[in-house]
PDB file of N, CA and C in Angstrom:
ATOM      1  N   MET A   1       0.851  -1.176  -0.009  1.00  0.00           N
ATOM      2  CA  MET A   1      -0.016   0.012   0.020  1.00  0.00           C
ATOM      3  C   MET A   1       0.889   1.247   0.011  1.00  0.00           C
ATOM      4  N   ALA A   2       0.485   2.290  -0.675  1.00  0.00           N
ATOM      5  CA  ALA A   2       1.273   3.538  -0.758  1.00  0.00           C
ATOM      6  C   ALA A   2       1.343   4.193   0.608  1.00  0.00           C
ATOM      7  N   ARG A   3       2.393   5.016   0.710  1.00  0.00           N
ATOM      8  CA  ARG A   3       2.561   5.725   1.995  1.00  0.00           C
ATOM      9  C   ARG A   3       1.398   6.724   2.212  1.00  0.00           C
ATOM     10  N   VAL A   4       0.998   6.881   3.452  1.00  0.00           N
ATOM     11  CA  VAL A   4       0.087   7.948   3.778  1.00  0.00           C
ATOM     12  C   VAL A   4       0.890   9.161   4.108  1.00  0.00           C
ATOM     13  N   THR A   5       0.415  10.329   3.572  1.00  0.00           N
ATOM     14  CA  THR A   5       1.154  11.554   3.811  1.00  0.00           C
ATOM     15  C   THR A   5       0.308  12.542   4.626  1.00  0.00           C
ATOM     16  N   ILE A   6       0.966  13.448   5.257  1.00  0.00           N
ATOM     17  CA  ILE A   6       0.294  14.455   6.015  1.00  0.00           C
ATOM     18  C   ILE A   6      -0.661  15.235   5.125  1.00  0.00           C
ATOM     19  N   GLU A   7      -0.235  15.551   3.932  1.00  0.00           N
ATOM     20  CA  GLU A   7      -1.060  16.312   2.960  1.00  0.00           C
ATOM     21  C   GLU A   7      -2.303  15.606   2.661  1.00  0.00           C
ATOM     22  N   ASP A   8      -2.263  14.217   2.519  1.00  0.00           N
ATOM     23  CA  ASP A   8      -3.472  13.464   2.255  1.00  0.00           C
ATOM     24  C   ASP A   8      -4.473  13.628   3.415  1.00  0.00           C
ATOM     25  N   CYS A   9      -3.967  13.694   4.617  1.00  0.00           N
ATOM     26  CA  CYS A   9      -4.830  13.836   5.806  1.00  0.00           C
ATOM     27  C   CYS A   9      -5.356  15.256   5.927  1.00  0.00           C
ATOM     28  N   LEU A  10      -4.525  16.215   5.605  1.00  0.00           N
ATOM     29  CA  LEU A  10      -4.887  17.640   5.751  1.00  0.00           C
ATOM     30  C   LEU A  10      -6.017  18.031   4.796  1.00  0.00           C
ATOM     31  N   ASP A  11      -6.249  17.239   3.740  1.00  0.00           N
ATOM     32  CA  ASP A  11      -7.389  17.470   2.880  1.00  0.00           C
ATOM     33  C   ASP A  11      -8.711  17.223   3.590  1.00  0.00           C
ATOM     34  N   LYS A  12      -8.681  16.446   4.699  1.00  0.00           N
ATOM     35  CA  LYS A  12      -9.835  16.043   5.385  1.00  0.00           C
ATOM     36  C   LYS A  12     -10.014  16.748   6.776  1.00  0.00           C
ATOM     37  N   VAL A  13      -8.867  17.359   7.273  1.00  0.00           N
ATOM     38  CA  VAL A  13      -8.842  17.946   8.619  1.00  0.00           C
ATOM     39  C   VAL A  13      -8.425  19.383   8.506  1.00  0.00           C
ATOM     40  N   PRO A  14      -9.017  20.281   9.292  1.00  0.00           N
ATOM     41  CA  PRO A  14      -8.753  21.700   9.132  1.00  0.00           C
ATOM     42  C   PRO A  14      -7.354  22.204   9.495  1.00  0.00           C
ATOM     43  N   SER A  15      -6.635  21.465  10.384  1.00  0.00           N
ATOM     44  CA  SER A  15      -5.263  21.914  10.798  1.00  0.00           C
ATOM     45  C   SER A  15      -4.419  20.787  11.213  1.00  0.00           C
ATOM     46  N   ARG A  16      -3.134  21.031  11.340  1.00  0.00           N
ATOM     47  CA  ARG A  16      -2.191  19.961  11.772  1.00  0.00           C
ATOM     48  C   ARG A  16      -2.458  19.594  13.229  1.00  0.00           C
ATOM     49  N   PHE A  17      -2.835  20.636  14.026  1.00  0.00           N
ATOM     50  CA  PHE A  17      -3.136  20.299  15.409  1.00  0.00           C
ATOM     51  C   PHE A  17      -4.311  19.377  15.522  1.00  0.00           C
ATOM     52  N   ALA A  18      -5.366  19.645  14.726  1.00  0.00           N
ATOM     53  CA  ALA A  18      -6.525  18.771  14.754  1.00  0.00           C
ATOM     54  C   ALA A  18      -6.176  17.378  14.271  1.00  0.00           C
ATOM     55  N   LEU A  19      -5.275  17.295  13.267  1.00  0.00           N
ATOM     56  CA  LEU A  19      -4.863  15.998  12.700  1.00  0.00           C
ATOM     57  C   LEU A  19      -4.155  15.185  13.801  1.00  0.00           C
ATOM     58  N   VAL A  20      -3.227  15.812  14.517  1.00  0.00           N
ATOM     59  CA  VAL A  20      -2.526  15.126  15.617  1.00  0.00           C
ATOM     60  C   VAL A  20      -3.519  14.656  16.646  1.00  0.00           C
ATOM     61  N   HIS A  21      -4.420  15.472  17.058  1.00  0.00           N
ATOM     62  CA  HIS A  21      -5.402  15.121  18.062  1.00  0.00           C
ATOM     63  C   HIS A  21      -6.301  13.926  17.594  1.00  0.00           C
ATOM     64  N   MET A  22      -6.782  14.011  16.379  1.00  0.00           N
ATOM     65  CA  MET A  22      -7.603  12.937  15.832  1.00  0.00           C
ATOM     66  C   MET A  22      -6.857  11.664  15.694  1.00  0.00           C
ATOM     67  N   ALA A  23      -5.661  11.741  15.122  1.00  0.00           N
ATOM     68  CA  ALA A  23      -4.856  10.518  14.992  1.00  0.00           C
ATOM     69  C   ALA A  23      -4.547   9.807  16.311  1.00  0.00           C
ATOM     70  N   ALA A  24      -4.216  10.636  17.277  1.00  0.00           N
ATOM     71  CA  ALA A  24      -3.913  10.086  18.616  1.00  0.00           C
ATOM     72  C   ALA A  24      -5.150   9.474  19.230  1.00  0.00           C
ATOM     73  N   HIS A  25      -6.249  10.144  19.095  1.00  0.00           N
ATOM     74  CA  HIS A  25      -7.497   9.617  19.707  1.00  0.00           C
ATOM     75  C   HIS A  25      -7.927   8.307  19.025  1.00  0.00           C
ATOM     76  N   ARG A  26      -7.835   8.321  17.734  1.00  0.00           N
ATOM     77  CA  ARG A  26      -8.219   7.069  16.992  1.00  0.00           C
ATOM     78  C   ARG A  26      -7.272   5.951  17.260  1.00  0.00           C
ATOM     79  N   ALA A  27      -5.984   6.232  17.343  1.00  0.00           N
ATOM     80  CA  ALA A  27      -4.974   5.217  17.659  1.00  0.00           C
ATOM     81  C   ALA A  27      -5.257   4.601  19.046  1.00  0.00           C
ATOM     82  N   ARG A  28      -5.670   5.417  19.999  1.00  0.00           N
ATOM     83  CA  ARG A  28      -6.005   4.859  21.331  1.00  0.00           C
ATOM     84  C   ARG A  28      -7.194   3.926  21.222  1.00  0.00           C
ATOM     85  N   GLN A  29      -8.201   4.330  20.410  1.00  0.00           N
ATOM     86  CA  GLN A  29      -9.385   3.441  20.185  1.00  0.00           C
ATOM     87  C   GLN A  29      -8.953   2.137  19.570  1.00  0.00           C
ATOM     88  N   LEU A  30      -8.100   2.188  18.633  1.00  0.00           N
ATOM     89  CA  LEU A  30      -7.615   0.971  17.929  1.00  0.00           C
ATOM     90  C   LEU A  30      -6.834   0.072  18.885  1.00  0.00           C
ATOM     91  N   LEU A  31      -6.008   0.665  19.757  1.00  0.00           N
ATOM     92  CA  LEU A  31      -5.254  -0.084  20.738  1.00  0.00           C
ATOM     93  C   LEU A  31      -6.160  -0.740  21.811  1.00  0.00           C
ATOM     94  N   LYS A  32      -7.317  -0.156  22.037  1.00  0.00           N
ATOM     95  CA  LYS A  32      -8.245  -0.680  22.958  1.00  0.00           C
ATOM     96  C   LYS A  32      -9.188  -1.767  22.348  1.00  0.00           C
ATOM     97  N   GLY A  33      -8.974  -2.028  21.052  1.00  0.00           N
ATOM     98  CA  GLY A  33      -9.694  -3.092  20.443  1.00  0.00           C
ATOM     99  C   GLY A  33     -10.728  -2.709  19.377  1.00  0.00           C
ATOM    100  N   ALA A  34     -10.812  -1.402  19.069  1.00  0.00           N
ATOM    101  CA  ALA A  34     -11.724  -0.935  18.006  1.00  0.00           C
ATOM    102  C   ALA A  34     -11.308  -1.526  16.672  1.00  0.00           C
ATOM    103  N   ARG A  35     -12.292  -1.856  15.853  1.00  0.00           N
ATOM    104  CA  ARG A  35     -12.046  -2.433  14.539  1.00  0.00           C
ATOM    105  C   ARG A  35     -11.607  -1.387  13.585  1.00  0.00           C
ATOM    106  N   PRO A  36     -10.519  -1.628  12.883  1.00  0.00           N
ATOM    107  CA  PRO A  36     -10.046  -0.628  11.857  1.00  0.00           C
ATOM    108  C   PRO A  36     -10.994  -0.579  10.683  1.00  0.00           C
ATOM    109  N   PHE A  37     -11.161   0.638  10.070  1.00  0.00           N
ATOM    110  CA  PHE A  37     -12.012   0.867   8.986  1.00  0.00           C
ATOM    111  C   PHE A  37     -11.305   0.608   7.638  1.00  0.00           C
ATOM    112  N   VAL A  38      -9.999   0.515   7.666  1.00  0.00           N
ATOM    113  CA  VAL A  38      -9.225   0.259   6.450  1.00  0.00           C
ATOM    114  C   VAL A  38      -8.275  -0.918   6.745  1.00  0.00           C
ATOM    115  N   ASP A  39      -7.940  -1.650   5.681  1.00  0.00           N
ATOM    116  CA  ASP A  39      -7.016  -2.748   5.858  1.00  0.00           C
ATOM    117  C   ASP A  39      -5.591  -2.158   6.011  1.00  0.00           C
ATOM    118  N   SER A  40      -4.928  -2.571   7.103  1.00  0.00           N
ATOM    119  CA  SER A  40      -3.553  -2.094   7.352  1.00  0.00           C
ATOM    120  C   SER A  40      -2.842  -3.031   8.277  1.00  0.00           C
ATOM    121  N   ASP A  41      -1.625  -3.364   7.917  1.00  0.00           N
ATOM    122  CA  ASP A  41      -0.782  -4.207   8.745  1.00  0.00           C
ATOM    123  C   ASP A  41       0.169  -3.346   9.587  1.00  0.00           C
ATOM    124  N   ASN A  42      -0.130  -2.038   9.650  1.00  0.00           N
ATOM    125  CA  ASN A  42       0.763  -1.112  10.312  1.00  0.00           C
ATOM    126  C   ASN A  42       0.369  -0.922  11.798  1.00  0.00           C
ATOM    127  N   LYS A  43       1.143  -0.147  12.506  1.00  0.00           N
ATOM    128  CA  LYS A  43       0.851   0.143  13.882  1.00  0.00           C
ATOM    129  C   LYS A  43      -0.413   1.070  13.930  1.00  0.00           C
ATOM    130  N   ALA A  44      -0.994   1.216  15.156  1.00  0.00           N
ATOM    131  CA  ALA A  44      -2.227   1.952  15.315  1.00  0.00           C
ATOM    132  C   ALA A  44      -2.195   3.347  14.802  1.00  0.00           C
ATOM    133  N   VAL A  45      -1.086   4.072  15.058  1.00  0.00           N
ATOM    134  CA  VAL A  45      -0.998   5.425  14.592  1.00  0.00           C
ATOM    135  C   VAL A  45      -1.072   5.531  13.096  1.00  0.00           C
ATOM    136  N   VAL A  46      -0.350   4.699  12.336  1.00  0.00           N
ATOM    137  CA  VAL A  46      -0.343   4.702  10.905  1.00  0.00           C
ATOM    138  C   VAL A  46      -1.689   4.313  10.440  1.00  0.00           C
ATOM    139  N   THR A  47      -2.305   3.334  11.040  1.00  0.00           N
ATOM    140  CA  THR A  47      -3.683   2.906  10.641  1.00  0.00           C
ATOM    141  C   THR A  47      -4.659   4.034  10.821  1.00  0.00           C
ATOM    142  N   SER A  48      -4.538   4.784  11.920  1.00  0.00           N
ATOM    143  CA  SER A  48      -5.443   5.909  12.183  1.00  0.00           C
ATOM    144  C   SER A  48      -5.281   7.000  11.120  1.00  0.00           C
ATOM    145  N   LEU A  49      -3.983   7.281  10.701  1.00  0.00           N
ATOM    146  CA  LEU A  49      -3.754   8.207   9.634  1.00  0.00           C
ATOM    147  C   LEU A  49      -4.295   7.757   8.300  1.00  0.00           C
ATOM    148  N   ARG A  50      -4.250   6.480   8.010  1.00  0.00           N
ATOM    149  CA  ARG A  50      -4.837   5.894   6.793  1.00  0.00           C
ATOM    150  C   ARG A  50      -6.375   6.090   6.829  1.00  0.00           C
ATOM    151  N   GLU A  51      -6.978   5.860   7.956  1.00  0.00           N
ATOM    152  CA  GLU A  51      -8.427   6.020   8.067  1.00  0.00           C
ATOM    153  C   GLU A  51      -8.817   7.528   7.907  1.00  0.00           C
ATOM    154  N   ILE A  52      -7.985   8.448   8.480  1.00  0.00           N
ATOM    155  CA  ILE A  52      -8.319   9.858   8.261  1.00  0.00           C
ATOM    156  C   ILE A  52      -8.163  10.238   6.766  1.00  0.00           C
ATOM    157  N   ALA A  53      -7.121   9.822   6.146  1.00  0.00           N
ATOM    158  CA  ALA A  53      -6.928  10.103   4.731  1.00  0.00           C
ATOM    159  C   ALA A  53      -8.047   9.561   3.863  1.00  0.00           C
ATOM    160  N   ALA A  54      -8.556   8.396   4.255  1.00  0.00           N
ATOM    161  CA  ALA A  54      -9.689   7.755   3.522  1.00  0.00           C
ATOM    162  C   ALA A  54     -11.041   8.374   3.812  1.00  0.00           C
ATOM    163  N   GLY A  55     -11.062   9.270   4.808  1.00  0.00           N
ATOM    164  CA  GLY A  55     -12.376   9.857   5.169  1.00  0.00           C
ATOM    165  C   GLY A  55     -13.201   8.982   6.125  1.00  0.00           C
ATOM    166  N   ALA A  56     -12.596   7.963   6.710  1.00  0.00           N
ATOM    167  CA  ALA A  56     -13.392   7.072   7.541  1.00  0.00           C
ATOM    168  C   ALA A  56     -13.524   7.583   8.989  1.00  0.00           C
ATOM    169  N   VAL A  57     -12.717   8.617   9.333  1.00  0.00           N
ATOM    170  CA  VAL A  57     -12.790   9.233  10.659  1.00  0.00           C
ATOM    171  C   VAL A  57     -13.068  10.701  10.405  1.00  0.00           C
ATOM    172  N   LEU A  58     -14.088  11.214  11.032  1.00  0.00           N
ATOM    173  CA  LEU A  58     -14.483  12.589  10.800  1.00  0.00           C
ATOM    174  C   LEU A  58     -13.944  13.523  11.877  1.00  0.00           C
ATOM    175  N   ALA A  59     -13.706  14.788  11.531  1.00  0.00           N
ATOM    176  CA  ALA A  59     -13.246  15.765  12.502  1.00  0.00           C
ATOM    177  C   ALA A  59     -14.286  16.043  13.522  1.00  0.00           C
ATOM    178  N   ALA A  60     -13.891  16.279  14.789  1.00  0.00           N
ATOM    179  CA  ALA A  60     -14.857  16.626  15.859  1.00  0.00           C
ATOM    180  C   ALA A  60     -15.213  18.127  15.668  1.00  0.00           C
ATOM    181  N   ILE A  61     -16.367  18.449  16.245  1.00  0.00           N
ATOM    182  CA  ILE A  61     -16.830  19.838  16.193  1.00  0.00           C
ATOM    183  C   ILE A  61     -16.724  20.330  17.649  1.00  0.00           C
ATOM    184  N   GLU A  62     -15.843  21.328  17.852  1.00  0.00           N
ATOM    185  CA  GLU A  62     -15.610  21.924  19.146  1.00  0.00           C
ATOM    186  C   GLU A  62     -16.005  21.203  20.353  1.00  0.00           C
ATOM    187  N   GLY A  63     -15.110  20.460  20.930  1.00  0.00           N
ATOM    188  CA  GLY A  63     -15.305  19.762  22.188  1.00  0.00           C
ATOM    189  C   GLY A  63     -15.970  18.402  22.116  1.00  0.00           C
ATOM    190  N   GLU A  64     -16.500  18.062  20.930  1.00  0.00           N
ATOM    191  CA  GLU A  64     -17.072  16.710  20.771  1.00  0.00           C
ATOM    192  C   GLU A  64     -15.961  15.705  20.517  1.00  0.00           C
ATOM    193  N   GLU A  65     -16.222  14.464  20.832  1.00  0.00           N
ATOM    194  CA  GLU A  65     -15.231  13.436  20.581  1.00  0.00           C
ATOM    195  C   GLU A  65     -15.125  13.143  19.104  1.00  0.00           C
ATOM    196  N   THR A  66     -13.996  12.566  18.722  1.00  0.00           N
ATOM    197  CA  THR A  66     -13.774  12.174  17.326  1.00  0.00           C
ATOM    198  C   THR A  66     -14.851  11.090  16.929  1.00  0.00           C
ATOM    199  N   GLU A  67     -15.504  11.314  15.791  1.00  0.00           N
ATOM    200  CA  GLU A  67     -16.517  10.345  15.389  1.00  0.00           C
ATOM    201  C   GLU A  67     -15.909   9.455  14.338  1.00  0.00           C
ATOM    202  N   SER A  68     -16.101   8.177  14.549  1.00  0.00           N
ATOM    203  CA  SER A  68     -15.624   7.169  13.547  1.00  0.00           C
ATOM    204  C   SER A  68     -16.831   6.531  12.863  1.00  0.00           C
ATOM    205  N   ARG A  69     -16.676   6.304  11.593  1.00  0.00           N
ATOM    206  CA  ARG A  69     -17.791   5.662  10.850  1.00  0.00           C
ATOM    207  C   ARG A  69     -17.190   4.693   9.861  1.00  0.00           C
ATOM    208  N   PRO A  70     -17.839   3.606   9.558  1.00  0.00           N
ATOM    209  CA  PRO A  70     -17.327   2.682   8.504  1.00  0.00           C
ATOM    210  C   PRO A  70     -17.517   3.288   7.168  1.00  0.00           C
ATOM    211  N   LEU A  71     -16.630   2.972   6.257  1.00  0.00           N
ATOM    212  CA  LEU A  71     -16.745   3.409   4.900  1.00  0.00           C
ATOM    213  C   LEU A  71     -17.883   2.658   4.204  1.00  0.00           C
ATOM    214  N   PRO A  72     -18.568   3.275   3.255  1.00  0.00           N
ATOM    215  CA  PRO A  72     -19.525   2.490   2.438  1.00  0.00           C
ATOM    216  C   PRO A  72     -18.739   1.403   1.723  1.00  0.00           C
ATOM    217  N   PRO A  73     -19.423   0.300   1.411  1.00  0.00           N
ATOM    218  CA  PRO A  73     -18.702  -0.916   0.825  1.00  0.00           C
ATOM    219  C   PRO A  73     -17.880  -0.574  -0.407  1.00  0.00           C
ATOM    220  N   GLU A  74     -18.382   0.302  -1.321  1.00  0.00           N
ATOM    221  CA  GLU A  74     -17.624   0.607  -2.516  1.00  0.00           C
ATOM    222  C   GLU A  74     -16.367   1.373  -2.211  1.00  0.00           C
ATOM    223  N   GLU A  75     -16.427   2.295  -1.197  1.00  0.00           N
ATOM    224  CA  GLU A  75     -15.193   3.020  -0.814  1.00  0.00           C
ATOM    225  C   GLU A  75     -14.194   2.083  -0.143  1.00  0.00           C
ATOM    226  N   ALA A  76     -14.753   1.221   0.744  1.00  0.00           N
ATOM    227  CA  ALA A  76     -13.898   0.249   1.486  1.00  0.00           C
ATOM    228  C   ALA A  76     -13.119  -0.629   0.499  1.00  0.00           C
ATOM    229  N   ALA A  77     -13.771  -1.024  -0.570  1.00  0.00           N
ATOM    230  CA  ALA A  77     -13.139  -1.928  -1.579  1.00  0.00           C
ATOM    231  C   ALA A  77     -12.005  -1.159  -2.306  1.00  0.00           C
ATOM    232  N   GLU A  78     -12.249   0.139  -2.617  1.00  0.00           N
ATOM    233  CA  GLU A  78     -11.221   0.978  -3.235  1.00  0.00           C
ATOM    234  C   GLU A  78     -10.047   1.157  -2.306  1.00  0.00           C
ATOM    235  N   THR A  79     -10.309   1.384  -1.013  1.00  0.00           N
ATOM    236  CA  THR A  79      -9.245   1.638  -0.104  1.00  0.00           C
ATOM    237  C   THR A  79      -8.391   0.434   0.143  1.00  0.00           C
ATOM    238  N   SER A  80      -9.015  -0.771   0.212  1.00  0.00           N
ATOM    239  CA  SER A  80      -8.282  -1.986   0.480  1.00  0.00           C
ATOM    240  C   SER A  80      -7.706  -2.599  -0.806  1.00  0.00           C
ATOM    241  N   GLY A  81      -7.939  -1.916  -1.916  1.00  0.00           N
ATOM    242  CA  GLY A  81      -7.405  -2.456  -3.152  1.00  0.00           C
ATOM    243  C   GLY A  81      -8.364  -3.408  -3.880  1.00  0.00           C
ATOM    244  N   GLY A  82      -9.569  -3.552  -3.301  1.00  0.00           N
ATOM    245  CA  GLY A  82     -10.581  -4.364  -3.918  1.00  0.00           C
ATOM    246  C   GLY A  82     -10.436  -5.857  -3.689  1.00  0.00           C
ATOM    247  N   SER A  83      -9.440  -6.239  -2.852  1.00  0.00           N
ATOM    248  CA  SER A  83      -9.156  -7.652  -2.647  1.00  0.00           C
ATOM    249  C   SER A  83     -10.072  -8.325  -1.610  1.00  0.00           C
ATOM    250  N   GLU A  84     -10.845  -7.530  -0.883  1.00  0.00           N
ATOM    251  CA  GLU A  84     -11.658  -8.112   0.128  1.00  0.00           C
ATOM    252  C   GLU A  84     -13.141  -7.774  -0.156  1.00  0.00           C
ATOM    253  N   THR A  85     -13.976  -8.847   0.039  1.00  0.00           N
ATOM    254  CA  THR A  85     -15.383  -8.687  -0.168  1.00  0.00           C
ATOM    255  C   THR A  85     -16.003  -8.181   1.151  1.00  0.00           C
ATOM    256  N   PRO A  86     -16.783  -7.090   1.150  1.00  0.00           N
ATOM    257  CA  PRO A  86     -17.425  -6.586   2.402  1.00  0.00           C
ATOM    258  C   PRO A  86     -18.409  -7.672   2.900  1.00  0.00           C
ATOM    259  N   SER A  87     -18.483  -7.718   4.239  1.00  0.00           N
ATOM    260  CA  SER A  87     -19.394  -8.701   4.816  1.00  0.00           C
ATOM    261  C   SER A  87     -20.533  -8.048   5.519  1.00  0.00           C
TER     262      SER A  87
END
């Protein structure tokens, strides 16, 4: 899978500060057992950045927690390279 870049993520997040906050929060969720929304064999932080770049994790609105949502099946197939059938 191609590298995830900060620029990919900043297209979805208003600032670098918000990106760091979102990635850290989502990485903690993943470490506690949350199911990843994108296929990744990487560590939780990289997986969280891949999710943000894919639009699977939405930015919080002033004081609200980070909202996570699954990708629609067609987007999930594109993100994973189409090798997995959604269940």
